[in-house]
Amino acid sequence: MDTHVIGFQKLGTQLDYNQEDGFFHLTADELKGTYMLLDEPSVTGTANIVMAATMAKGTTTIYNAACEPYLQQLCKMLNRMGAKISGIGSNLLVIEGVDYLGGTTHAMLPDMIEVGSFIGLAAMTKGEITIKNAGINDLGIIPEKFRQLGIAMDFKGDDIHIPSQDNYTIQKYLDGGVLTVYDNPWPGFTPDLLSIVLVTAIQATGVF
């Protein structure tokens, strides 16, 4: 929770622990824009700070911000509501505080973890599946990592078709080295899919 709380404190809030109710309380008469370097690119931490900064007085700069598609869609939605957020998709966000936010219409992105899970499910069961409206442009490196496991897939518009395969072979690096999949902050591979990749790989041919 430190990333969340420290971000709020830098915007001008005070943190107090109330022994009577057992809760920490964040209070502020007014939020003021500032520069902050996050200790980690926390997705929810960045989202909370962004939402608070949209109506803070002045300009807030967030460096080492998370830039996952989840965060990008939040920033785009806030901009449609009247916020002034620039740097969307990067780890440096600049937010000019505004006095008013209005309503908007927003369609949620497909869940990349569910998409990856269905890809792994099809491969493990040697089944065929079509994932409709998968949000391909926002999946980043995820499809490529599954392809490295030898899983064939075709993109048809915004749909992903996984054909039935009797077997799939894990690729090697160009120098013959064993394939390694590790997680990183976006646009690296999401840690939430490491378990899916590991379970999928036990049905593949090759070394992982």
Protein backbone atom coordinates (compact mmCIF):
# COMPACT_ATOMS: atom_id res chain seq x y z
CA MET A 1 0.00 0.00 0.00
CA ASP A 2 3.01 2.29 0.37
CA THR A 3 2.95 3.42 -3.26
CA HIS A 4 -0.70 4.49 -2.91
CA VAL A 5 -0.28 6.30 0.40
CA ILE A 6 3.03 8.00 -0.39
CA GLY A 7 1.53 9.28 -3.65
CA PHE A 8 -1.44 10.76 -1.80
CA GLN A 9 0.87 12.32 0.78
CA LYS A 10 2.90 14.00 -1.93
CA LEU A 11 -0.33 15.48 -3.27
CA GLY A 12 -0.88 17.07 0.12
CA THR A 13 -2.81 14.61 2.25
CA GLN A 14 -2.08 13.82 5.89
CA LEU A 15 -1.99 10.23 7.13
CA ASP A 16 -3.24 9.51 10.65
CA TYR A 17 -3.96 6.27 12.48
CA ASN A 18 -7.13 6.25 14.56
CA GLN A 19 -6.78 3.80 17.45
CA GLU A 20 -10.51 3.86 18.14
CA ASP A 21 -11.66 2.53 14.76
CA GLY A 22 -8.38 0.84 13.77
CA PHE A 23 -8.18 2.64 10.42
CA PHE A 24 -5.67 4.93 8.76
CA HIS A 25 -7.28 8.19 7.64
CA LEU A 26 -6.10 10.34 4.73
CA THR A 27 -7.28 13.94 4.95
CA ALA A 28 -6.58 17.13 3.02
CA ASP A 29 -8.22 20.51 2.61
CA GLU A 30 -6.86 20.67 -0.93
CA LEU A 31 -4.75 18.49 -3.20
CA LYS A 32 -1.81 20.18 -4.92
CA GLY A 33 0.05 18.99 -8.00
CA THR A 34 3.65 17.90 -7.57
CA TYR A 35 6.43 15.76 -9.05
CA MET A 36 6.76 12.21 -7.81
CA LEU A 37 8.92 9.21 -8.61
CA LEU A 38 7.05 6.03 -7.72
CA ASP A 39 9.04 3.38 -5.86
CA GLU A 40 7.41 0.75 -8.09
CA PRO A 41 5.20 0.93 -11.20
CA SER A 42 2.11 -0.21 -9.32
CA VAL A 43 -0.93 -0.39 -11.61
CA THR A 44 -3.56 0.31 -8.97
CA GLY A 45 -1.25 2.74 -7.17
CA THR A 46 -0.75 4.72 -10.37
CA ALA A 47 -4.50 4.61 -11.07
CA ASN A 48 -5.38 5.96 -7.63
CA ILE A 49 -2.81 8.77 -7.85
CA VAL A 50 -3.95 9.69 -11.37
CA MET A 51 -7.58 9.93 -10.29
CA ALA A 52 -6.65 12.10 -7.32
CA ALA A 53 -4.34 14.32 -9.43
CA THR A 54 -6.96 15.04 -12.12
CA MET A 55 -8.68 17.53 -9.83
CA ALA A 56 -5.66 18.66 -7.80
CA LYS A 57 -4.49 22.26 -8.10
CA GLY A 58 -1.63 22.61 -10.57
CA THR A 59 0.36 20.03 -12.48
CA THR A 60 1.30 16.54 -11.28
CA THR A 61 4.12 14.59 -12.89
CA ILE A 62 4.31 10.86 -12.20
CA TYR A 63 7.55 9.14 -13.20
CA ASN A 64 7.93 5.34 -13.15
CA ALA A 65 4.17 5.17 -13.64
CA ALA A 66 2.53 1.92 -14.66
CA CYS A 67 1.55 1.89 -18.33
CA GLU A 68 -0.54 -1.29 -18.64
CA PRO A 69 -3.55 -1.16 -20.96
CA TYR A 70 -5.76 -1.07 -17.86
CA LEU A 71 -4.15 2.21 -16.85
CA GLN A 72 -4.20 3.56 -20.40
CA GLN A 73 -7.95 3.00 -20.72
CA LEU A 74 -8.54 4.74 -17.38
CA CYS A 75 -6.54 7.78 -18.51
CA LYS A 76 -8.35 7.94 -21.85
CA MET A 77 -11.70 7.71 -20.10
CA LEU A 78 -10.73 10.49 -17.68
CA ASN A 79 -9.64 12.68 -20.62
CA ARG A 80 -13.05 12.20 -22.22
CA MET A 81 -14.54 13.30 -18.91
CA GLY A 82 -12.53 16.52 -19.05
CA ALA A 83 -9.18 15.63 -17.46
CA LYS A 84 -5.88 16.73 -19.02
CA ILE A 85 -3.53 13.75 -18.95
CA SER A 86 -0.59 13.43 -21.34
CA GLY A 87 2.04 10.72 -21.76
CA ILE A 88 -0.56 7.94 -21.83
CA GLY A 89 1.12 4.62 -22.61
CA SER A 90 4.48 5.73 -21.23
CA ASN A 91 5.95 5.64 -17.73
CA LEU A 92 5.89 9.45 -17.48
CA LEU A 93 2.43 10.92 -16.96
CA VAL A 94 1.72 14.65 -16.75
CA ILE A 95 -1.64 15.67 -15.31
CA GLU A 96 -2.94 19.22 -15.35
CA GLY A 97 -5.56 19.61 -12.65
CA VAL A 98 -9.07 20.61 -13.71
CA ASP A 99 -12.05 21.92 -11.77
CA TYR A 100 -14.71 19.69 -13.26
CA LEU A 101 -15.20 16.18 -14.65
CA GLY A 102 -18.26 15.24 -16.65
CA GLY A 103 -19.78 11.96 -17.75
CA THR A 104 -18.77 9.72 -20.62
CA THR A 105 -19.42 6.32 -22.18
CA HIS A 106 -16.72 3.68 -21.87
CA ALA A 107 -16.33 0.09 -23.09
CA MET A 108 -14.04 -2.06 -20.95
CA LEU A 109 -11.02 -3.73 -22.50
CA PRO A 110 -11.02 -7.53 -22.76
CA ASP A 111 -9.13 -9.15 -19.88
CA MET A 112 -5.66 -10.13 -21.11
CA ILE A 113 -5.37 -12.78 -18.38
CA GLU A 114 -8.54 -14.50 -19.59
CA VAL A 115 -7.34 -14.32 -23.21
CA GLY A 116 -4.01 -15.93 -22.27
CA SER A 117 -5.79 -18.55 -20.19
CA PHE A 118 -7.99 -19.58 -23.14
CA ILE A 119 -4.91 -19.84 -25.39
CA GLY A 120 -3.26 -22.17 -22.87
CA LEU A 121 -6.48 -24.16 -22.43
CA ALA A 122 -6.76 -24.82 -26.17
CA ALA A 123 -3.13 -25.94 -26.41
CA MET A 124 -3.25 -28.26 -23.39
CA THR A 125 -6.42 -29.99 -24.56
CA LYS A 126 -5.28 -30.11 -28.23
CA GLY A 127 -8.52 -28.30 -28.94
CA GLU A 128 -9.59 -25.58 -31.34
CA ILE A 129 -10.92 -22.27 -30.13
CA THR A 130 -11.73 -18.80 -31.42
CA ILE A 131 -11.44 -15.95 -28.92
CA LYS A 132 -13.77 -13.21 -30.10
CA ASN A 133 -12.97 -9.52 -29.59
CA ALA A 134 -9.69 -10.33 -27.87
CA GLY A 135 -8.31 -6.78 -27.91
CA ILE A 136 -5.23 -7.86 -29.87
CA ASN A 137 -3.70 -4.38 -30.01
CA ASP A 138 -3.57 -4.31 -26.21
CA LEU A 139 -2.13 -7.78 -25.60
CA GLY A 140 1.48 -6.67 -26.03
CA ILE A 141 4.00 -9.52 -25.92
CA ILE A 142 1.52 -12.13 -24.68
CA PRO A 143 0.72 -13.82 -28.05
CA GLU A 144 4.44 -13.99 -28.92
CA LYS A 145 5.27 -15.80 -25.67
CA PHE A 146 2.65 -18.44 -26.39
CA ARG A 147 3.96 -18.76 -29.94
CA GLN A 148 7.40 -19.47 -28.45
CA LEU A 149 5.82 -22.51 -26.82
CA GLY A 150 4.96 -23.71 -30.32
CA ILE A 151 1.29 -22.76 -30.19
CA ALA A 152 -0.09 -21.74 -33.58
CA MET A 153 -2.55 -18.88 -33.74
CA ASP A 154 -4.13 -16.74 -36.40
CA PHE A 155 -5.43 -13.21 -36.05
CA LYS A 156 -8.70 -12.53 -37.83
CA GLY A 157 -9.64 -8.93 -37.25
CA ASP A 158 -9.78 -8.67 -33.47
CA ASP A 159 -10.35 -12.42 -33.03
CA ILE A 160 -7.69 -15.02 -32.21
CA HIS A 161 -8.09 -18.47 -33.73
CA ILE A 162 -6.17 -21.33 -32.09
CA PRO A 163 -6.22 -24.38 -34.39
CA SER A 164 -6.17 -27.92 -33.04
CA GLN A 165 -2.60 -29.26 -32.71
CA ASP A 166 -1.58 -32.83 -31.95
CA ASN A 167 1.61 -31.49 -30.42
CA TYR A 168 3.57 -28.29 -30.10
CA THR A 169 7.30 -27.81 -29.71
CA ILE A 170 8.98 -25.21 -27.52
CA GLN A 171 11.30 -22.95 -29.47
CA LYS A 172 14.96 -22.38 -28.64
CA TYR A 173 16.94 -19.16 -28.77
CA LEU A 174 19.06 -18.51 -31.87
CA ASP A 175 22.18 -19.67 -30.02
CA GLY A 176 20.46 -22.93 -29.04
CA GLY A 177 19.77 -21.81 -25.49
CA VAL A 178 16.76 -23.00 -23.51
CA LEU A 179 13.70 -20.74 -23.72
CA THR A 180 13.15 -18.71 -20.55
CA VAL A 181 9.97 -16.78 -19.82
CA TYR A 182 10.08 -14.25 -17.01
CA ASP A 183 7.81 -11.44 -15.93
CA ASN A 184 8.43 -7.71 -16.18
CA PRO A 185 6.39 -4.54 -15.78
CA TRP A 186 4.39 -3.70 -18.91
CA PRO A 187 5.16 -3.94 -21.77
CA GLY A 188 6.96 -7.01 -20.43
CA PHE A 189 5.18 -10.30 -19.79
CA THR A 190 2.54 -10.07 -17.08
CA PRO A 191 3.27 -12.20 -13.97
CA ASP A 192 -0.40 -13.23 -13.84
CA LEU A 193 0.13 -15.49 -16.86
CA LEU A 194 3.31 -17.22 -15.69
CA SER A 195 1.30 -20.01 -14.05
CA ILE A 196 -0.69 -20.52 -17.28
CA VAL A 197 2.52 -20.70 -19.35
CA LEU A 198 4.10 -23.19 -16.92
CA VAL A 199 1.10 -25.52 -16.93
CA THR A 200 0.79 -25.25 -20.72
CA ALA A 201 4.48 -26.11 -21.17
CA ILE A 202 4.16 -29.48 -19.42
CA GLN A 203 2.17 -30.75 -22.42
CA ALA A 204 4.71 -29.46 -24.96
CA THR A 205 7.76 -31.07 -26.50
CA GLY A 206 11.10 -29.56 -25.62
CA VAL A 207 12.79 -27.86 -22.68
CA PHE A 208 11.47 -24.81 -20.90
